[in-house]
Amino acid sequence: MPKKQCCDAGFRVDAIVNVDERGQMILPKELRERAGLKPGDKLAVATFEREGQFCCMCLMKADALAGMVKDLLGPMMQHLDAN
C-alpha cells in the first residue's frame, strides 16, 4: 500500500487573504507557524484546472515537493540504474 501524502488528509479553508496591487499577499502568522514557514523558505505553487478552466491552487514547501518527487521517482531510477 502506498504511503499516504499529507494532502490526502482532506481540505479546509483556514484563511482568506487579500492580493495587493503588486500581486502580493500575506499568509496569516498562525498559518505560517502551523506550516513551520520561516523567512527565506521557498513554496511551490501547484494549480489545478477543471474542464479547461483554472479552479484552484495550493502552496507547499518546495522541499516537501522535492521529497514527494523523490519518493515517486526513486524506485524507477533505481530500476533504471540496475539495468
N, C-alpha and C. Protein backbone atom coordinates (compact mmCIF):
# COMPACT_ATOMS: atom_id res chain seq x y z
N MET A 1 0.85 -1.18 0.00
CA MET A 1 0.00 0.00 0.00
C MET A 1 0.89 1.24 0.00
N PRO A 2 0.65 2.21 -0.92
CA PRO A 2 1.48 3.41 -0.96
C PRO A 2 1.28 4.25 0.30
N LYS A 3 2.37 4.94 0.71
CA LYS A 3 2.22 5.77 1.91
C LYS A 3 1.36 6.98 1.59
N LYS A 4 0.59 7.38 2.56
CA LYS A 4 -0.35 8.48 2.40
C LYS A 4 0.38 9.82 2.43
N GLN A 5 0.09 10.68 1.48
CA GLN A 5 0.66 12.02 1.44
C GLN A 5 -0.18 12.93 2.33
N CYS A 6 0.42 14.03 2.79
CA CYS A 6 -0.31 14.92 3.69
C CYS A 6 -1.56 15.49 3.02
N CYS A 7 -1.54 15.71 1.74
CA CYS A 7 -2.68 16.31 1.05
C CYS A 7 -3.83 15.34 0.87
N ASP A 8 -3.61 14.04 1.16
CA ASP A 8 -4.69 13.07 1.10
C ASP A 8 -5.63 13.20 2.30
N ALA A 9 -5.22 14.00 3.28
CA ALA A 9 -5.95 14.06 4.55
C ALA A 9 -7.27 14.82 4.45
N GLY A 10 -7.43 15.71 3.52
CA GLY A 10 -8.67 16.46 3.43
C GLY A 10 -8.42 17.92 3.07
N PHE A 11 -9.48 18.64 2.99
CA PHE A 11 -9.44 20.03 2.53
C PHE A 11 -10.24 20.88 3.49
N ARG A 12 -9.72 22.05 3.81
CA ARG A 12 -10.47 23.02 4.60
C ARG A 12 -9.95 24.41 4.29
N VAL A 13 -10.75 25.41 4.54
CA VAL A 13 -10.35 26.80 4.36
C VAL A 13 -9.89 27.31 5.72
N ASP A 14 -8.62 27.72 5.82
CA ASP A 14 -8.07 28.22 7.07
C ASP A 14 -8.02 29.74 7.13
N ALA A 15 -8.01 30.40 5.98
CA ALA A 15 -7.92 31.85 5.97
C ALA A 15 -8.34 32.36 4.60
N ILE A 16 -8.70 33.61 4.57
CA ILE A 16 -8.92 34.33 3.31
C ILE A 16 -7.96 35.50 3.34
N VAL A 17 -7.16 35.63 2.27
CA VAL A 17 -6.15 36.68 2.21
C VAL A 17 -6.45 37.63 1.06
N ASN A 18 -5.93 38.84 1.15
CA ASN A 18 -6.08 39.84 0.10
C ASN A 18 -4.84 39.84 -0.78
N VAL A 19 -5.04 40.09 -2.07
CA VAL A 19 -3.94 40.28 -3.00
C VAL A 19 -3.83 41.78 -3.22
N ASP A 20 -2.63 42.34 -2.98
CA ASP A 20 -2.48 43.79 -3.14
C ASP A 20 -2.21 44.17 -4.59
N GLU A 21 -2.02 45.46 -4.83
CA GLU A 21 -1.85 45.95 -6.20
C GLU A 21 -0.59 45.42 -6.88
N ARG A 22 0.36 44.93 -6.11
CA ARG A 22 1.58 44.34 -6.69
C ARG A 22 1.46 42.83 -6.85
N GLY A 23 0.28 42.27 -6.51
CA GLY A 23 0.07 40.84 -6.64
C GLY A 23 0.58 40.05 -5.44
N GLN A 24 0.91 40.73 -4.36
CA GLN A 24 1.44 40.07 -3.17
C GLN A 24 0.33 39.82 -2.16
N MET A 25 0.55 38.80 -1.34
CA MET A 25 -0.40 38.53 -0.27
C MET A 25 0.37 38.13 0.98
N ILE A 26 -0.26 38.24 2.10
CA ILE A 26 0.36 37.89 3.37
C ILE A 26 -0.37 36.69 3.94
N LEU A 27 0.40 35.65 4.26
CA LEU A 27 -0.17 34.49 4.93
C LEU A 27 -0.24 34.82 6.42
N PRO A 28 -1.38 34.58 7.04
CA PRO A 28 -1.51 34.90 8.47
C PRO A 28 -0.45 34.17 9.31
N LYS A 29 -0.02 34.84 10.37
CA LYS A 29 1.04 34.31 11.23
C LYS A 29 0.70 32.91 11.74
N GLU A 30 -0.53 32.68 12.15
CA GLU A 30 -0.93 31.36 12.67
C GLU A 30 -0.68 30.26 11.62
N LEU A 31 -0.99 30.54 10.36
CA LEU A 31 -0.76 29.55 9.30
C LEU A 31 0.73 29.33 9.07
N ARG A 32 1.50 30.44 9.06
CA ARG A 32 2.95 30.30 8.89
C ARG A 32 3.55 29.46 10.00
N GLU A 33 3.10 29.70 11.22
CA GLU A 33 3.61 28.93 12.35
C GLU A 33 3.21 27.46 12.25
N ARG A 34 1.95 27.18 11.93
CA ARG A 34 1.49 25.79 11.80
C ARG A 34 2.23 25.06 10.69
N ALA A 35 2.56 25.78 9.62
CA ALA A 35 3.26 25.17 8.48
C ALA A 35 4.77 25.13 8.70
N GLY A 36 5.23 25.78 9.75
CA GLY A 36 6.67 25.82 10.02
C GLY A 36 7.43 26.66 9.01
N LEU A 37 6.77 27.68 8.46
CA LEU A 37 7.41 28.55 7.47
C LEU A 37 8.29 29.59 8.16
N LYS A 38 9.47 29.74 7.61
CA LYS A 38 10.44 30.70 8.12
C LYS A 38 10.83 31.64 6.97
N PRO A 39 11.33 32.85 7.30
CA PRO A 39 11.79 33.75 6.25
C PRO A 39 12.81 33.04 5.35
N GLY A 40 12.65 33.19 4.06
CA GLY A 40 13.56 32.58 3.10
C GLY A 40 13.10 31.22 2.59
N ASP A 41 12.10 30.60 3.26
CA ASP A 41 11.58 29.32 2.76
C ASP A 41 10.99 29.51 1.36
N LYS A 42 11.10 28.48 0.57
CA LYS A 42 10.55 28.51 -0.78
C LYS A 42 9.27 27.69 -0.81
N LEU A 43 8.25 28.20 -1.52
CA LEU A 43 6.99 27.50 -1.67
C LEU A 43 6.77 27.15 -3.13
N ALA A 44 6.27 25.97 -3.37
CA ALA A 44 5.87 25.56 -4.72
C ALA A 44 4.38 25.85 -4.85
N VAL A 45 3.97 26.34 -6.01
CA VAL A 45 2.57 26.62 -6.27
C VAL A 45 2.08 25.60 -7.29
N ALA A 46 1.11 24.79 -6.90
CA ALA A 46 0.51 23.82 -7.81
C ALA A 46 -0.88 24.34 -8.19
N THR A 47 -1.20 24.27 -9.46
CA THR A 47 -2.50 24.74 -9.92
C THR A 47 -3.29 23.59 -10.52
N PHE A 48 -4.59 23.73 -10.49
CA PHE A 48 -5.49 22.70 -10.98
C PHE A 48 -6.51 23.33 -11.92
N GLU A 49 -6.87 22.57 -12.94
CA GLU A 49 -7.90 23.01 -13.88
C GLU A 49 -9.00 21.98 -13.94
N ARG A 50 -10.18 22.46 -14.19
CA ARG A 50 -11.33 21.59 -14.41
C ARG A 50 -12.01 22.07 -15.68
N GLU A 51 -12.17 21.16 -16.62
CA GLU A 51 -12.80 21.47 -17.90
C GLU A 51 -12.13 22.66 -18.58
N GLY A 52 -10.80 22.71 -18.49
CA GLY A 52 -10.03 23.76 -19.16
C GLY A 52 -10.01 25.10 -18.46
N GLN A 53 -10.62 25.19 -17.28
CA GLN A 53 -10.67 26.45 -16.55
C GLN A 53 -9.89 26.31 -15.24
N PHE A 54 -9.11 27.33 -14.92
CA PHE A 54 -8.39 27.35 -13.65
C PHE A 54 -9.41 27.25 -12.53
N CYS A 55 -9.19 26.35 -11.58
CA CYS A 55 -10.14 26.27 -10.47
C CYS A 55 -9.50 26.50 -9.11
N CYS A 56 -8.27 26.06 -8.90
CA CYS A 56 -7.68 26.28 -7.59
C CYS A 56 -6.16 26.13 -7.64
N MET A 57 -5.52 26.53 -6.55
CA MET A 57 -4.08 26.38 -6.41
C MET A 57 -3.77 26.00 -4.98
N CYS A 58 -2.62 25.41 -4.78
CA CYS A 58 -2.19 25.11 -3.41
C CYS A 58 -0.72 25.45 -3.28
N LEU A 59 -0.31 25.72 -2.06
CA LEU A 59 1.08 26.03 -1.74
C LEU A 59 1.64 24.88 -0.92
N MET A 60 2.89 24.51 -1.18
CA MET A 60 3.57 23.53 -0.35
C MET A 60 5.03 23.90 -0.29
N LYS A 61 5.67 23.50 0.80
CA LYS A 61 7.10 23.77 0.90
C LYS A 61 7.80 23.07 -0.26
N ALA A 62 8.72 23.79 -0.89
CA ALA A 62 9.43 23.24 -2.04
C ALA A 62 10.19 21.97 -1.67
N ASP A 63 10.76 21.92 -0.46
CA ASP A 63 11.49 20.70 -0.08
C ASP A 63 10.55 19.52 0.13
N ALA A 64 9.30 19.77 0.55
CA ALA A 64 8.32 18.69 0.67
C ALA A 64 7.95 18.16 -0.71
N LEU A 65 7.80 19.07 -1.68
CA LEU A 65 7.52 18.65 -3.05
C LEU A 65 8.68 17.82 -3.59
N ALA A 66 9.90 18.27 -3.34
CA ALA A 66 11.07 17.52 -3.80
C ALA A 66 11.08 16.12 -3.18
N GLY A 67 10.70 16.01 -1.91
CA GLY A 67 10.63 14.71 -1.25
C GLY A 67 9.59 13.81 -1.88
N MET A 68 8.43 14.39 -2.23
CA MET A 68 7.38 13.60 -2.89
C MET A 68 7.85 13.09 -4.24
N VAL A 69 8.51 13.95 -5.00
CA VAL A 69 9.02 13.55 -6.32
C VAL A 69 10.07 12.44 -6.15
N LYS A 70 10.95 12.61 -5.18
CA LYS A 70 11.98 11.59 -4.93
C LYS A 70 11.33 10.26 -4.56
N ASP A 71 10.33 10.30 -3.67
CA ASP A 71 9.64 9.07 -3.27
C ASP A 71 8.96 8.41 -4.46
N LEU A 72 8.41 9.22 -5.35
CA LEU A 72 7.70 8.71 -6.52
C LEU A 72 8.67 8.17 -7.57
N LEU A 73 9.73 8.91 -7.85
CA LEU A 73 10.64 8.54 -8.92
C LEU A 73 11.82 7.69 -8.47
N GLY A 74 12.13 7.69 -7.17
CA GLY A 74 13.27 6.95 -6.65
C GLY A 74 13.29 5.49 -7.07
N PRO A 75 12.19 4.75 -6.85
CA PRO A 75 12.19 3.34 -7.25
C PRO A 75 12.41 3.16 -8.75
N MET A 76 11.86 4.05 -9.56
CA MET A 76 12.03 3.96 -11.01
C MET A 76 13.50 4.20 -11.37
N MET A 77 14.12 5.19 -10.73
CA MET A 77 15.51 5.49 -11.02
C MET A 77 16.42 4.33 -10.59
N GLN A 78 16.13 3.70 -9.46
CA GLN A 78 16.90 2.54 -9.01
C GLN A 78 16.77 1.40 -10.02
N HIS A 79 15.58 1.22 -10.54
CA HIS A 79 15.35 0.17 -11.54
C HIS A 79 16.17 0.46 -12.82
N LEU A 80 16.18 1.73 -13.23
CA LEU A 80 16.93 2.10 -14.43
C LEU A 80 18.44 1.93 -14.21
N ASP A 81 18.92 2.29 -13.02
CA ASP A 81 20.33 2.16 -12.71
C ASP A 81 20.77 0.69 -12.68
N ALA A 82 19.85 -0.19 -12.31
CA ALA A 82 20.17 -1.62 -12.22
C ALA A 82 20.29 -2.26 -13.60
N ASN A 83 19.71 -1.62 -14.60
CA ASN A 83 19.73 -2.18 -15.97
C ASN A 83 20.88 -1.65 -16.78
